[in-house]
Amino acid sequence: MDYRALQGYGSFFMSLFLVVMLYGYIVYLYRSEKKGERDFEKYGNIALDDEITSTPVEDKSASERLEEEDK
């Protein structure tokens, strides 16, 4: 087995691994939004509504609740 064949196999398996990771992340985002844990559309609007007077995406108590649930 030469170097080019190993490089081809490595490239294929790395691409396959990255595709599986991408779909896993998409499923994670979908499930967490369906459960009501986070609303990712609010995070998407951060770039559009970027002023000093803008309201925060999450209040501090919501962030503290999530940290308590993780423990």
N, C-alpha and C. Protein backbone atom coordinates (compact mmCIF):
# COMPACT_ATOMS: atom_id res chain seq x y z
N MET A 1 0.85 -1.17 0.00
CA MET A 1 0.00 0.00 0.00
C MET A 1 0.90 1.23 0.00
N ASP A 2 0.70 2.06 -0.98
CA ASP A 2 1.56 3.23 -1.10
C ASP A 2 0.97 4.44 -0.38
N TYR A 3 1.71 5.51 -0.43
CA TYR A 3 1.36 6.73 0.30
C TYR A 3 0.07 7.36 -0.24
N ARG A 4 -0.13 7.33 -1.55
CA ARG A 4 -1.32 7.94 -2.14
C ARG A 4 -2.58 7.19 -1.75
N ALA A 5 -2.50 5.88 -1.63
CA ALA A 5 -3.67 5.10 -1.22
C ALA A 5 -4.03 5.41 0.24
N LEU A 6 -3.01 5.50 1.10
CA LEU A 6 -3.27 5.86 2.50
C LEU A 6 -3.87 7.26 2.61
N GLN A 7 -3.38 8.17 1.78
CA GLN A 7 -3.90 9.53 1.77
C GLN A 7 -5.37 9.54 1.31
N GLY A 8 -5.71 8.73 0.34
CA GLY A 8 -7.09 8.63 -0.15
C GLY A 8 -8.02 8.06 0.91
N TYR A 9 -7.59 6.97 1.57
CA TYR A 9 -8.41 6.40 2.64
C TYR A 9 -8.58 7.37 3.81
N GLY A 10 -7.50 8.05 4.16
CA GLY A 10 -7.57 9.01 5.25
C GLY A 10 -8.51 10.15 4.92
N SER A 11 -8.45 10.63 3.70
CA SER A 11 -9.34 11.71 3.27
C SER A 11 -10.80 11.26 3.30
N PHE A 12 -11.05 10.06 2.82
CA PHE A 12 -12.42 9.54 2.82
C PHE A 12 -12.97 9.40 4.23
N PHE A 13 -12.21 8.78 5.12
CA PHE A 13 -12.70 8.57 6.48
C PHE A 13 -12.80 9.87 7.26
N MET A 14 -11.94 10.83 7.00
CA MET A 14 -12.05 12.13 7.65
C MET A 14 -13.30 12.86 7.18
N SER A 15 -13.58 12.78 5.88
CA SER A 15 -14.81 13.40 5.35
C SER A 15 -16.04 12.74 5.94
N LEU A 16 -16.03 11.43 6.03
CA LEU A 16 -17.15 10.69 6.61
C LEU A 16 -17.34 11.06 8.08
N PHE A 17 -16.26 11.18 8.82
CA PHE A 17 -16.33 11.57 10.23
C PHE A 17 -16.92 12.97 10.38
N LEU A 18 -16.48 13.90 9.54
CA LEU A 18 -16.98 15.27 9.62
C LEU A 18 -18.46 15.36 9.24
N VAL A 19 -18.90 14.56 8.30
CA VAL A 19 -20.32 14.55 7.93
C VAL A 19 -21.16 14.01 9.08
N VAL A 20 -20.69 12.96 9.74
CA VAL A 20 -21.42 12.41 10.89
C VAL A 20 -21.48 13.43 12.02
N MET A 21 -20.38 14.14 12.27
CA MET A 21 -20.37 15.16 13.31
C MET A 21 -21.33 16.30 12.96
N LEU A 22 -21.37 16.71 11.71
CA LEU A 22 -22.26 17.78 11.28
C LEU A 22 -23.72 17.39 11.49
N TYR A 23 -24.10 16.19 11.06
CA TYR A 23 -25.48 15.75 11.25
C TYR A 23 -25.82 15.57 12.72
N GLY A 24 -24.87 15.13 13.51
CA GLY A 24 -25.10 15.02 14.95
C GLY A 24 -25.36 16.37 15.58
N TYR A 25 -24.62 17.38 15.16
CA TYR A 25 -24.81 18.73 15.67
C TYR A 25 -26.17 19.29 15.24
N ILE A 26 -26.56 19.03 14.00
CA ILE A 26 -27.86 19.49 13.52
C ILE A 26 -28.98 18.84 14.32
N VAL A 27 -28.87 17.56 14.60
CA VAL A 27 -29.88 16.87 15.40
C VAL A 27 -29.91 17.42 16.82
N TYR A 28 -28.74 17.71 17.39
CA TYR A 28 -28.69 18.31 18.73
C TYR A 28 -29.41 19.66 18.75
N LEU A 29 -29.14 20.51 17.76
CA LEU A 29 -29.80 21.81 17.70
C LEU A 29 -31.31 21.66 17.56
N TYR A 30 -31.74 20.75 16.71
CA TYR A 30 -33.17 20.53 16.49
C TYR A 30 -33.85 20.03 17.76
N ARG A 31 -33.24 19.07 18.43
CA ARG A 31 -33.86 18.52 19.66
C ARG A 31 -33.90 19.54 20.78
N SER A 32 -32.85 20.31 20.96
CA SER A 32 -32.84 21.28 22.05
C SER A 32 -33.84 22.40 21.80
N GLU A 33 -34.07 22.73 20.54
CA GLU A 33 -35.08 23.75 20.26
C GLU A 33 -36.49 23.19 20.44
N LYS A 34 -36.70 21.93 20.08
CA LYS A 34 -38.01 21.31 20.26
C LYS A 34 -38.36 21.15 21.74
N LYS A 35 -37.36 20.85 22.57
CA LYS A 35 -37.59 20.70 24.00
C LYS A 35 -37.83 22.03 24.69
N GLY A 36 -37.48 23.12 24.03
CA GLY A 36 -37.67 24.44 24.60
C GLY A 36 -36.51 24.90 25.45
N GLU A 37 -35.38 24.23 25.36
CA GLU A 37 -34.22 24.63 26.16
C GLU A 37 -33.64 25.95 25.67
N ARG A 38 -33.56 26.13 24.37
CA ARG A 38 -33.00 27.36 23.79
C ARG A 38 -33.82 27.72 22.56
N ASP A 39 -33.84 29.02 22.27
CA ASP A 39 -34.46 29.50 21.04
C ASP A 39 -33.34 30.09 20.18
N PHE A 40 -32.88 29.31 19.22
CA PHE A 40 -31.72 29.71 18.43
C PHE A 40 -32.04 30.81 17.44
N GLU A 41 -33.31 31.09 17.16
CA GLU A 41 -33.64 32.21 16.28
C GLU A 41 -33.28 33.53 16.95
N LYS A 42 -33.37 33.60 18.27
CA LYS A 42 -32.96 34.80 18.98
C LYS A 42 -31.46 35.04 18.80
N TYR A 43 -30.69 33.98 18.85
CA TYR A 43 -29.24 34.12 18.66
C TYR A 43 -28.91 34.53 17.23
N GLY A 44 -29.72 34.13 16.27
CA GLY A 44 -29.50 34.52 14.89
C GLY A 44 -29.74 36.00 14.66
N ASN A 45 -30.59 36.60 15.49
CA ASN A 45 -30.89 38.03 15.34
C ASN A 45 -29.85 38.92 16.01
N ILE A 46 -28.88 38.37 16.68
CA ILE A 46 -27.85 39.18 17.35
C ILE A 46 -27.11 40.04 16.33
N ALA A 47 -26.79 39.49 15.19
CA ALA A 47 -26.05 40.24 14.18
C ALA A 47 -26.88 41.38 13.60
N LEU A 48 -28.19 41.21 13.53
CA LEU A 48 -29.05 42.24 12.98
C LEU A 48 -29.36 43.34 13.99
N ASP A 49 -29.48 42.98 15.24
CA ASP A 49 -29.86 43.93 16.28
C ASP A 49 -28.67 44.11 17.22
N ASP A 50 -27.68 44.84 16.75
CA ASP A 50 -26.43 44.98 17.48
C ASP A 50 -26.23 46.43 17.92
N GLU A 51 -26.98 46.81 18.93
CA GLU A 51 -26.85 48.15 19.49
C GLU A 51 -26.65 48.04 20.99
N ILE A 52 -26.11 49.08 21.58
CA ILE A 52 -25.85 49.07 23.02
C ILE A 52 -27.15 49.08 23.82
N THR A 53 -28.22 49.59 23.22
CA THR A 53 -29.50 49.67 23.93
C THR A 53 -30.37 48.44 23.71
N SER A 54 -29.89 47.46 22.97
CA SER A 54 -30.66 46.26 22.69
C SER A 54 -30.84 45.43 23.96
N THR A 55 -31.95 44.73 24.02
CA THR A 55 -32.19 43.86 25.17
C THR A 55 -31.37 42.59 25.02
N PRO A 56 -30.93 42.00 26.12
CA PRO A 56 -30.16 40.76 26.06
C PRO A 56 -31.00 39.60 25.50
N VAL A 57 -30.33 38.63 24.93
CA VAL A 57 -31.02 37.47 24.38
C VAL A 57 -31.61 36.64 25.52
N GLU A 58 -30.83 36.43 26.57
CA GLU A 58 -31.30 35.70 27.74
C GLU A 58 -31.08 36.54 28.98
N ASP A 59 -31.99 36.43 29.91
CA ASP A 59 -31.76 37.12 31.17
C ASP A 59 -30.84 36.28 32.05
N LYS A 60 -30.28 36.87 33.04
CA LYS A 60 -29.30 36.19 33.88
C LYS A 60 -29.90 34.99 34.60
N SER A 61 -31.15 35.09 35.01
CA SER A 61 -31.75 33.99 35.73
C SER A 61 -31.90 32.75 34.85
N ALA A 62 -32.14 32.93 33.56
CA ALA A 62 -32.24 31.78 32.66
C ALA A 62 -30.89 31.09 32.53
N SER A 63 -29.83 31.86 32.43
CA SER A 63 -28.49 31.27 32.34
C SER A 63 -28.13 30.53 33.62
N GLU A 64 -28.49 31.09 34.74
CA GLU A 64 -28.21 30.42 36.02
C GLU A 64 -29.00 29.13 36.14
N ARG A 65 -30.23 29.11 35.65
CA ARG A 65 -31.02 27.87 35.69
C ARG A 65 -30.37 26.79 34.87
N LEU A 66 -29.84 27.14 33.71
CA LEU A 66 -29.20 26.13 32.86
C LEU A 66 -27.94 25.59 33.51
N GLU A 67 -27.19 26.45 34.19
CA GLU A 67 -25.98 25.98 34.87
C GLU A 67 -26.34 25.04 36.01
N GLU A 68 -27.44 25.31 36.70
CA GLU A 68 -27.86 24.44 37.80
C GLU A 68 -28.33 23.09 37.27
N GLU A 69 -28.98 23.08 36.12
CA GLU A 69 -29.44 21.81 35.53
C GLU A 69 -28.27 20.96 35.08
N ASP A 70 -27.19 21.59 34.62
CA ASP A 70 -26.03 20.85 34.15
C ASP A 70 -25.27 20.17 35.28
N LYS A 71 -25.39 20.70 36.50
CA LYS A 71 -24.64 20.12 37.62
C LYS A 71 -25.23 18.88 38.14
